[in-house]
Amino acid sequence: MMGSAAGLVEPHGGELVVCSGERPAGLESLETVALTPRELSDLDMLASGALSPLAGFMGSGDYASVVEAMRLASGLPWALPVCLAVPKAPVGDRVALTDEAGAPLAVLDVTEVFPYDAEREALQCFRTTDPEHPGVARLYAQHHLYLAGPVTVFARQEPAFPALAKDPAETRADFAERGWRRVVGFQTRNPIHRAHEFVTKCALELVDGLLLHPLVGETKSDDVPAAVRVACYEVLMAGYYPAERTAISAFPAAMRYAGPREAIWHAICRKNYGCSHFIVGRDHAGVGDYYGTYDAQLIFDDFGPGELGMKPMFFEHAFYCRRCGQMATPKSCPHGGDDHVFLSGTRVRELLTKGEAPPAEFTRAEVADVLISAYR
C-alpha cells in the first residue's frame, strides 16, 4: 500500500491499494477463469491502484451496499460494482485469471461465490432495465454468478498506448515533481472539440494543473476509436495547452455507460490518480436518452460535503456564440440558439465522411484533419 505524495489529495480510502505481486508456484495446477475485455480492464486497474481501496473483485456485502446505497460495506462512497461473473463455482480456493487467449495474468483467492439479481443491478446502476442500453445488455449477457476475492496480478497486458500508460503512483509523482497540489481531471470518450477545450481551460484557471485522461478501454462499436481520440488530444496539446501546466495519460477503464453513477466512479478513480478536482459536463458517461442532461451533476448531491474527498467542477453545455464572438455557455451568453454553433454527432460524422471539416468554431483545424483522415 502507498500513501499520498505531500500536498496531493489522498487516494480514496487513504492509501493506494496496489494488487500486484510475484507469479506464484503451482500456477499450472489451478482452475482458470478467462476474463472479458471489461473485466481485464478492471483487473489492470486493480493492479495499478486505480480502484483503491478495492483489493479484488467485490463480495456480496460490498456488492449489495454499492448497488443499493452507492457505498462499500464500510460506508465509503463507491458508485458501481466491480465484479467477476462466472458460470459455476470453482472447485478450489484459488483460481488463475487469464486473458481471452488463456494467458495467465493473476490469481484470485476465493472468498465467495454468490448469485445476483441482474435486473435489480440494472435498475439501480443504469436507471433502466431496457436491454437496448449497452451497459444493461452486457450485464444481461454475462454469467449468473459472481466470484469474489482478493487478486494478485503478476503479469499485465501490454497497454494500448505505452507512452501514455501511467499508473496512479506515476501520475502522482509527476504532479509532485511539478509542484502541483490542486489538479483537475478531464475524461471523455469522444474526440476533443472546442467546447471541451473551453471547459478544461476554464477549470485550469482555478487549479495548478490539468490531467487530460482519455478513456482507452472498451467502448461501443460506433464510438470513435481510442487511437483517433488520443491523436486528437495530442495535436491539441501540442498547439493550444501550456505544457508546464498540462499532463496527458491514458485511463484504461472500459465504458459502462452508467451516466450519473459512472460520473461518481470516474471522479473517485481520478482521485486515486492524484486529482483534487474533476470536470463533470453535459450528460457525462451517458448514452441515448436514458439520462437527463445534468443528472450526472445532480447525483453528487447524494453525498455530504467532503465525503468524496475531491471536488467536482460542473459545466453547462458550451458552444461558440457568433454575436459574443467567443466560446460561452448559457450561464454567460444572453443570445439565442440561432447565434450558437452547435453540431450533433451525426452531423459531424456526415461531414467527416465526405472529407469536409466541421466549422472552425466547432473544432480546431488540426483535430479536424485527424478525424477526416480516420473517417476516410
Protein backbone atom coordinates (compact mmCIF):
# COMPACT_ATOMS: atom_id res chain seq x y z
CA MET A 1 0.00 0.00 0.00
CA MET A 2 1.14 3.53 -0.70
CA GLY A 3 0.15 6.83 0.84
CA SER A 4 -0.12 10.23 -0.81
CA ALA A 5 2.67 12.48 -2.04
CA ALA A 6 2.98 15.64 0.05
CA GLY A 7 0.28 18.14 -0.76
CA LEU A 8 -1.76 15.97 -3.12
CA VAL A 9 -5.23 14.71 -2.40
CA GLU A 10 -5.18 11.34 -0.61
CA PRO A 11 -6.20 8.20 -2.53
CA HIS A 12 -9.76 7.05 -1.91
CA GLY A 13 -9.79 5.38 1.50
CA GLY A 14 -6.41 6.88 2.42
CA GLU A 15 -3.90 4.63 0.61
CA LEU A 16 -3.22 3.28 -2.85
CA VAL A 17 -4.04 -0.42 -2.78
CA VAL A 18 -1.81 -1.93 -5.48
CA CYS A 19 -2.78 -5.54 -6.22
CA SER A 20 0.47 -6.63 -7.85
CA GLY A 21 2.85 -9.39 -6.82
CA GLU A 22 5.05 -12.30 -7.82
CA ARG A 23 3.98 -15.19 -10.03
CA PRO A 24 3.05 -17.98 -7.58
CA ALA A 25 4.36 -21.53 -7.69
CA GLY A 26 1.95 -24.24 -8.83
CA LEU A 27 0.07 -21.92 -11.16
CA GLU A 28 -0.34 -24.66 -13.78
CA SER A 29 -2.46 -26.76 -11.43
CA LEU A 30 -5.07 -24.07 -10.81
CA GLU A 31 -8.51 -23.88 -12.37
CA THR A 32 -8.66 -20.97 -14.81
CA VAL A 33 -11.19 -18.18 -15.36
CA ALA A 34 -10.98 -16.26 -18.64
CA LEU A 35 -11.86 -12.57 -18.33
CA THR A 36 -13.90 -10.42 -20.70
CA PRO A 37 -12.42 -7.14 -22.03
CA ARG A 38 -14.20 -5.14 -19.33
CA GLU A 39 -13.02 -7.50 -16.57
CA LEU A 40 -9.47 -7.29 -17.94
CA SER A 41 -9.65 -3.50 -17.68
CA ASP A 42 -10.87 -3.82 -14.09
CA LEU A 43 -8.05 -6.26 -13.30
CA ASP A 44 -5.45 -3.88 -14.68
CA MET A 45 -6.89 -1.05 -12.62
CA LEU A 46 -6.79 -3.23 -9.50
CA ALA A 47 -3.14 -3.96 -10.27
CA SER A 48 -2.27 -0.26 -10.51
CA GLY A 49 -4.26 1.03 -7.53
CA ALA A 50 -6.71 2.95 -9.71
CA LEU A 51 -9.60 1.17 -7.95
CA SER A 52 -8.35 1.82 -4.40
CA PRO A 53 -9.43 0.81 -1.83
CA LEU A 54 -10.55 -2.39 -3.60
CA ALA A 55 -8.16 -5.32 -3.21
CA GLY A 56 -10.03 -7.57 -5.63
CA PHE A 57 -13.42 -8.37 -7.07
CA MET A 58 -16.32 -7.50 -4.74
CA GLY A 59 -18.02 -9.85 -2.34
CA SER A 60 -21.75 -9.89 -1.68
CA GLY A 61 -21.61 -7.38 1.17
CA ASP A 62 -19.84 -4.69 -0.79
CA TYR A 63 -21.84 -5.54 -3.92
CA ALA A 64 -25.24 -5.19 -2.23
CA SER A 65 -24.25 -1.98 -0.48
CA VAL A 66 -22.92 -0.42 -3.69
CA VAL A 67 -25.98 -1.38 -5.73
CA GLU A 68 -28.46 -0.12 -3.15
CA ALA A 69 -26.65 2.78 -1.48
CA MET A 70 -23.58 3.74 -3.58
CA ARG A 71 -21.29 2.83 -0.71
CA LEU A 72 -18.99 -0.01 0.18
CA ALA A 73 -19.98 -2.04 3.23
CA SER A 74 -17.58 0.16 5.22
CA GLY A 75 -19.68 3.21 4.29
CA LEU A 76 -17.06 4.65 1.93
CA PRO A 77 -18.67 6.11 -1.22
CA TRP A 78 -18.44 3.88 -4.28
CA ALA A 79 -20.84 4.03 -7.20
CA LEU A 80 -20.55 0.91 -9.39
CA PRO A 81 -19.95 -2.82 -8.82
CA VAL A 82 -16.56 -4.23 -9.75
CA CYS A 83 -17.40 -7.90 -10.05
CA LEU A 84 -16.26 -11.04 -11.86
CA ALA A 85 -19.04 -13.12 -13.46
CA VAL A 86 -18.56 -16.90 -13.74
CA PRO A 87 -20.79 -19.78 -14.91
CA LYS A 88 -20.07 -22.01 -11.89
CA ALA A 89 -18.26 -22.05 -8.58
CA PRO A 90 -14.61 -23.17 -8.78
CA VAL A 91 -13.58 -26.37 -7.05
CA GLY A 92 -10.60 -24.99 -5.16
CA ASP A 93 -9.96 -21.89 -3.07
CA ARG A 94 -7.65 -20.26 -5.62
CA VAL A 95 -8.04 -19.72 -9.37
CA ALA A 96 -5.87 -18.31 -12.12
CA LEU A 97 -7.28 -15.37 -14.08
CA THR A 98 -6.39 -15.33 -17.77
CA ASP A 99 -6.87 -13.14 -20.81
CA GLU A 100 -9.16 -14.26 -23.61
CA ALA A 101 -6.34 -16.27 -25.21
CA GLY A 102 -5.70 -18.19 -21.99
CA ALA A 103 -2.51 -16.43 -20.85
CA PRO A 104 -2.43 -16.25 -17.02
CA LEU A 105 -2.27 -12.77 -15.52
CA ALA A 106 -3.29 -13.11 -11.89
CA VAL A 107 -4.54 -15.35 -9.12
CA LEU A 108 -7.71 -14.81 -7.13
CA ASP A 109 -8.11 -16.23 -3.63
CA VAL A 110 -11.75 -17.26 -3.49
CA THR A 111 -13.73 -15.84 -0.60
CA GLU A 112 -17.23 -16.19 -2.00
CA VAL A 113 -19.38 -17.18 -4.96
CA PHE A 114 -22.84 -15.64 -4.98
CA PRO A 115 -25.85 -15.18 -7.26
CA TYR A 116 -27.10 -11.72 -8.11
CA ASP A 117 -30.24 -10.10 -9.47
CA ALA A 118 -29.20 -8.67 -12.85
CA GLU A 119 -32.44 -6.75 -13.29
CA ARG A 120 -32.06 -5.10 -9.89
CA GLU A 121 -28.45 -4.19 -10.64
CA ALA A 122 -29.54 -2.73 -13.98
CA LEU A 123 -32.32 -0.66 -12.44
CA GLN A 124 -30.17 0.74 -9.65
CA CYS A 125 -26.92 1.29 -11.53
CA PHE A 126 -28.16 2.17 -15.02
CA ARG A 127 -31.60 3.56 -14.06
CA THR A 128 -33.17 1.29 -16.68
CA THR A 129 -33.82 -2.39 -17.38
CA ASP A 130 -34.00 -1.79 -21.13
CA PRO A 131 -31.84 -4.43 -22.88
CA GLU A 132 -31.12 -1.91 -25.65
CA HIS A 133 -28.96 0.05 -23.21
CA PRO A 134 -25.37 -1.12 -23.92
CA GLY A 135 -24.44 -1.46 -20.25
CA VAL A 136 -27.62 -3.35 -19.44
CA ALA A 137 -27.15 -5.58 -22.50
CA ARG A 138 -23.67 -6.55 -21.32
CA LEU A 139 -24.96 -7.20 -17.80
CA TYR A 140 -27.76 -9.45 -19.04
CA ALA A 141 -25.38 -11.38 -21.30
CA GLN A 142 -22.82 -12.23 -18.63
CA HIS A 143 -22.68 -15.33 -16.39
CA HIS A 144 -25.13 -15.66 -13.48
CA LEU A 145 -22.71 -15.93 -10.52
CA TYR A 146 -20.15 -13.50 -9.11
CA LEU A 147 -16.75 -14.79 -7.94
CA ALA A 148 -15.21 -12.69 -5.18
CA GLY A 149 -11.81 -12.41 -3.59
CA PRO A 150 -8.52 -10.50 -3.46
CA VAL A 151 -6.31 -10.69 -6.52
CA THR A 152 -2.56 -10.73 -7.08
CA VAL A 153 -1.62 -9.57 -10.57
CA PHE A 154 1.77 -10.89 -11.74
CA ALA A 155 1.54 -10.08 -15.46
CA ARG A 156 -0.11 -7.06 -17.02
CA GLN A 157 -1.26 -6.79 -20.59
CA GLU A 158 0.69 -4.57 -22.96
CA PRO A 159 -1.01 -1.16 -22.82
CA ALA A 160 -2.66 0.14 -25.96
CA PHE A 161 -0.72 3.41 -25.68
CA PRO A 162 2.61 2.68 -23.93
CA ALA A 163 3.76 6.30 -23.93
CA LEU A 164 0.57 7.33 -22.11
CA ALA A 165 0.37 4.37 -19.72
CA LYS A 166 0.86 5.88 -16.27
CA ASP A 167 -0.33 4.25 -13.06
CA PRO A 168 -1.64 6.39 -10.18
CA ALA A 169 1.74 6.28 -8.42
CA GLU A 170 3.34 7.65 -11.59
CA THR A 171 0.86 10.49 -12.18
CA ARG A 172 1.14 11.42 -8.52
CA ALA A 173 4.93 11.51 -8.75
CA ASP A 174 4.64 13.67 -11.88
CA PHE A 175 2.28 16.11 -10.18
CA ALA A 176 4.50 16.32 -7.09
CA GLU A 177 7.59 16.96 -9.22
CA ARG A 178 5.78 19.79 -11.00
CA GLY A 179 4.73 21.26 -7.67
CA TRP A 180 1.03 20.76 -8.35
CA ARG A 181 -1.34 20.31 -5.43
CA ARG A 182 -4.70 21.08 -6.96
CA VAL A 183 -5.15 19.05 -10.14
CA VAL A 184 -8.29 18.83 -12.28
CA GLY A 185 -9.01 15.67 -14.26
CA PHE A 186 -10.91 15.57 -17.53
CA GLN A 187 -12.38 12.46 -19.12
CA THR A 188 -14.15 11.89 -22.40
CA ARG A 189 -14.77 9.01 -24.74
CA ASN A 190 -15.25 11.44 -27.64
CA PRO A 191 -12.78 13.46 -29.74
CA ILE A 192 -11.93 16.76 -28.06
CA HIS A 193 -13.66 19.78 -29.62
CA ARG A 194 -13.72 23.49 -28.86
CA ALA A 195 -16.36 23.01 -26.16
CA HIS A 196 -14.11 20.54 -24.31
CA GLU A 197 -11.14 22.86 -24.74
CA PHE A 198 -13.18 25.73 -23.31
CA VAL A 199 -14.28 23.92 -20.13
CA THR A 200 -10.84 22.45 -19.46
CA LYS A 201 -9.22 25.86 -19.78
CA CYS A 202 -11.84 27.45 -17.54
CA ALA A 203 -11.03 24.79 -14.94
CA LEU A 204 -7.29 25.26 -15.42
CA GLU A 205 -7.65 28.91 -14.43
CA LEU A 206 -8.61 27.74 -10.92
CA VAL A 207 -6.07 24.97 -10.21
CA ASP A 208 -2.37 24.20 -10.57
CA GLY A 209 -2.57 21.62 -13.34
CA LEU A 210 -4.82 19.74 -15.75
CA LEU A 211 -4.78 15.98 -16.39
CA LEU A 212 -6.26 15.11 -19.77
CA HIS A 213 -7.22 11.49 -19.17
CA PRO A 214 -8.89 9.91 -22.22
CA LEU A 215 -10.60 6.59 -21.63
CA VAL A 216 -8.97 3.89 -23.77
CA GLY A 217 -10.76 0.73 -22.63
CA GLU A 218 -13.66 -0.99 -24.38
CA THR A 219 -16.38 1.25 -25.82
CA LYS A 220 -19.38 0.77 -28.11
CA SER A 221 -18.60 -0.24 -31.67
CA ASP A 222 -19.90 3.06 -33.04
CA ASP A 223 -17.84 5.24 -30.70
CA VAL A 224 -14.78 6.91 -32.21
CA PRO A 225 -11.80 4.51 -31.77
CA ALA A 226 -9.41 5.26 -28.93
CA ALA A 227 -6.41 5.74 -31.25
CA VAL A 228 -8.24 8.51 -33.10
CA ARG A 229 -9.33 10.21 -29.89
CA VAL A 230 -5.82 10.09 -28.45
CA ALA A 231 -4.39 11.57 -31.65
CA CYS A 232 -6.87 14.46 -31.32
CA TYR A 233 -5.69 15.12 -27.76
CA GLU A 234 -2.06 15.05 -28.76
CA VAL A 235 -2.36 17.55 -31.64
CA LEU A 236 -4.41 19.87 -29.46
CA MET A 237 -1.92 19.67 -26.59
CA ALA A 238 0.92 20.45 -28.96
CA GLY A 239 -0.54 23.79 -30.01
CA TYR A 240 -3.17 25.00 -27.57
CA TYR A 241 -2.32 23.98 -23.98
CA PRO A 242 0.58 25.17 -21.78
CA ALA A 243 2.92 22.18 -21.48
CA GLU A 244 4.06 23.17 -18.00
CA ARG A 245 0.51 23.06 -16.66
CA THR A 246 -0.96 20.15 -18.61
CA ALA A 247 -0.39 16.40 -18.47
CA ILE A 248 -1.89 13.59 -20.52
CA SER A 249 -2.15 9.88 -19.80
CA ALA A 250 -4.49 7.03 -20.70
CA PHE A 251 -7.34 5.88 -18.47
CA PRO A 252 -7.57 2.09 -19.03
CA ALA A 253 -11.18 1.69 -17.90
CA ALA A 254 -13.94 0.24 -20.07
CA MET A 255 -17.06 2.36 -20.53
CA ARG A 256 -20.08 1.19 -18.61
CA TYR A 257 -22.45 3.91 -19.94
CA ALA A 258 -23.96 4.27 -16.47
CA GLY A 259 -24.38 8.03 -16.68
CA PRO A 260 -24.71 9.60 -13.21
CA ARG A 261 -23.22 6.68 -11.29
CA GLU A 262 -20.33 6.45 -13.70
CA ALA A 263 -19.59 10.14 -13.15
CA ILE A 264 -19.09 9.41 -9.44
CA TRP A 265 -16.98 6.35 -10.27
CA HIS A 266 -14.85 8.31 -12.74
CA ALA A 267 -14.30 11.03 -10.16
CA ILE A 268 -13.21 8.55 -7.47
CA CYS A 269 -10.80 6.83 -9.87
CA ARG A 270 -9.25 10.18 -10.84
CA LYS A 271 -8.84 10.97 -7.15
CA ASN A 272 -6.63 7.88 -6.96
CA TYR A 273 -4.54 9.29 -9.82
CA GLY A 274 -4.00 12.45 -7.76
CA CYS A 275 -6.79 14.73 -8.99
CA SER A 276 -8.33 17.01 -6.37
CA HIS A 277 -10.98 18.21 -8.86
CA PHE A 278 -12.92 16.56 -11.67
CA ILE A 279 -14.85 18.10 -14.56
CA VAL A 280 -18.44 16.91 -14.97
CA GLY A 281 -20.15 18.29 -18.02
CA ARG A 282 -23.28 17.67 -20.01
CA ASP A 283 -24.56 14.05 -19.95
CA HIS A 284 -21.34 12.61 -18.54
CA ALA A 285 -20.99 8.90 -19.45
CA GLY A 286 -24.49 8.96 -20.92
CA VAL A 287 -25.90 7.13 -23.89
CA GLY A 288 -29.11 7.65 -25.87
CA ASP A 289 -31.77 9.48 -23.86
CA TYR A 290 -31.61 7.36 -20.72
CA TYR A 291 -30.37 10.22 -18.52
CA GLY A 292 -31.25 13.86 -18.04
CA THR A 293 -28.79 16.40 -19.38
CA TYR A 294 -27.40 17.27 -15.95
CA ASP A 295 -28.27 14.14 -13.93
CA ALA A 296 -24.56 13.33 -13.69
CA GLN A 297 -24.05 16.59 -11.80
CA LEU A 298 -27.11 16.29 -9.57
CA ILE A 299 -26.04 12.88 -8.25
CA PHE A 300 -23.13 14.49 -6.41
CA ASP A 301 -25.73 15.98 -4.05
CA ASP A 302 -26.32 12.43 -2.74
CA PHE A 303 -23.07 12.75 -0.80
CA GLY A 304 -22.34 15.06 2.09
CA PRO A 305 -19.76 17.87 1.96
CA GLY A 306 -16.28 16.39 1.80
CA GLU A 307 -17.44 12.77 1.63
CA LEU A 308 -15.90 12.11 -1.78
CA GLY A 309 -12.66 13.82 -0.76
CA MET A 310 -12.42 15.74 -4.03
CA LYS A 311 -14.38 18.49 -5.75
CA PRO A 312 -16.47 18.18 -8.90
CA MET A 313 -16.46 21.11 -11.31
CA PHE A 314 -19.80 21.44 -13.09
CA PHE A 315 -20.12 22.95 -16.57
CA GLU A 316 -23.14 23.55 -18.74
CA HIS A 317 -23.13 22.83 -22.45
CA ALA A 318 -20.54 25.04 -24.18
CA PHE A 319 -20.84 26.47 -27.70
CA TYR A 320 -19.45 29.22 -29.91
CA CYS A 321 -21.67 32.31 -29.99
CA ARG A 322 -21.34 34.35 -33.17
CA ARG A 323 -22.65 37.51 -31.51
CA CYS A 324 -20.38 37.18 -28.48
CA GLY A 325 -17.53 36.21 -30.78
CA GLN A 326 -16.30 33.56 -28.35
CA MET A 327 -16.98 30.26 -26.61
CA ALA A 328 -19.66 30.50 -23.93
CA THR A 329 -22.35 28.60 -22.00
CA PRO A 330 -25.95 29.50 -21.16
CA LYS A 331 -24.59 30.93 -17.89
CA SER A 332 -22.60 33.62 -19.66
CA CYS A 333 -24.27 34.16 -23.04
CA PRO A 334 -27.57 36.09 -23.40
CA HIS A 335 -28.15 35.23 -27.07
CA GLY A 336 -30.43 32.71 -28.72
CA GLY A 337 -29.79 29.39 -30.38
CA ASP A 338 -29.56 30.85 -33.90
CA ASP A 339 -26.34 32.57 -32.86
CA HIS A 340 -24.82 29.41 -31.44
CA VAL A 341 -22.62 27.00 -33.41
CA PHE A 342 -23.60 23.51 -32.33
CA LEU A 343 -23.39 20.31 -34.37
CA SER A 344 -24.84 16.91 -33.49
CA GLY A 345 -22.56 13.88 -33.52
CA THR A 346 -24.47 12.58 -36.54
CA ARG A 347 -23.89 15.80 -38.50
CA VAL A 348 -20.19 15.81 -37.61
CA ARG A 349 -19.80 12.23 -38.84
CA GLU A 350 -21.57 13.13 -42.10
CA LEU A 351 -19.15 15.98 -42.74
CA LEU A 352 -16.10 13.89 -41.89
CA THR A 353 -17.22 11.02 -44.10
CA LYS A 354 -17.40 13.48 -47.01
CA GLY A 355 -13.93 14.77 -46.20
CA GLU A 356 -15.34 18.11 -45.04
CA ALA A 357 -14.08 19.80 -41.89
CA PRO A 358 -16.62 20.96 -39.30
CA PRO A 359 -16.61 24.75 -38.83
CA ALA A 360 -13.61 26.25 -37.04
CA GLU A 361 -15.94 27.45 -34.28
CA PHE A 362 -16.72 23.78 -33.50
CA THR A 363 -13.32 22.12 -33.81
CA ARG A 364 -9.70 23.09 -34.32
CA ALA A 365 -8.35 22.52 -37.83
CA GLU A 366 -5.68 20.14 -36.50
CA VAL A 367 -8.32 17.99 -34.83
CA ALA A 368 -10.49 18.07 -37.96
CA ASP A 369 -7.55 16.81 -40.02
CA VAL A 370 -7.08 13.82 -37.70
CA LEU A 371 -10.79 12.99 -37.84
CA ILE A 372 -11.10 13.38 -41.63
CA SER A 373 -8.10 11.11 -42.14
CA ALA A 374 -9.61 8.49 -39.80
CA TYR A 375 -13.06 8.58 -41.40
CA ARG A 376 -11.62 8.27 -44.91
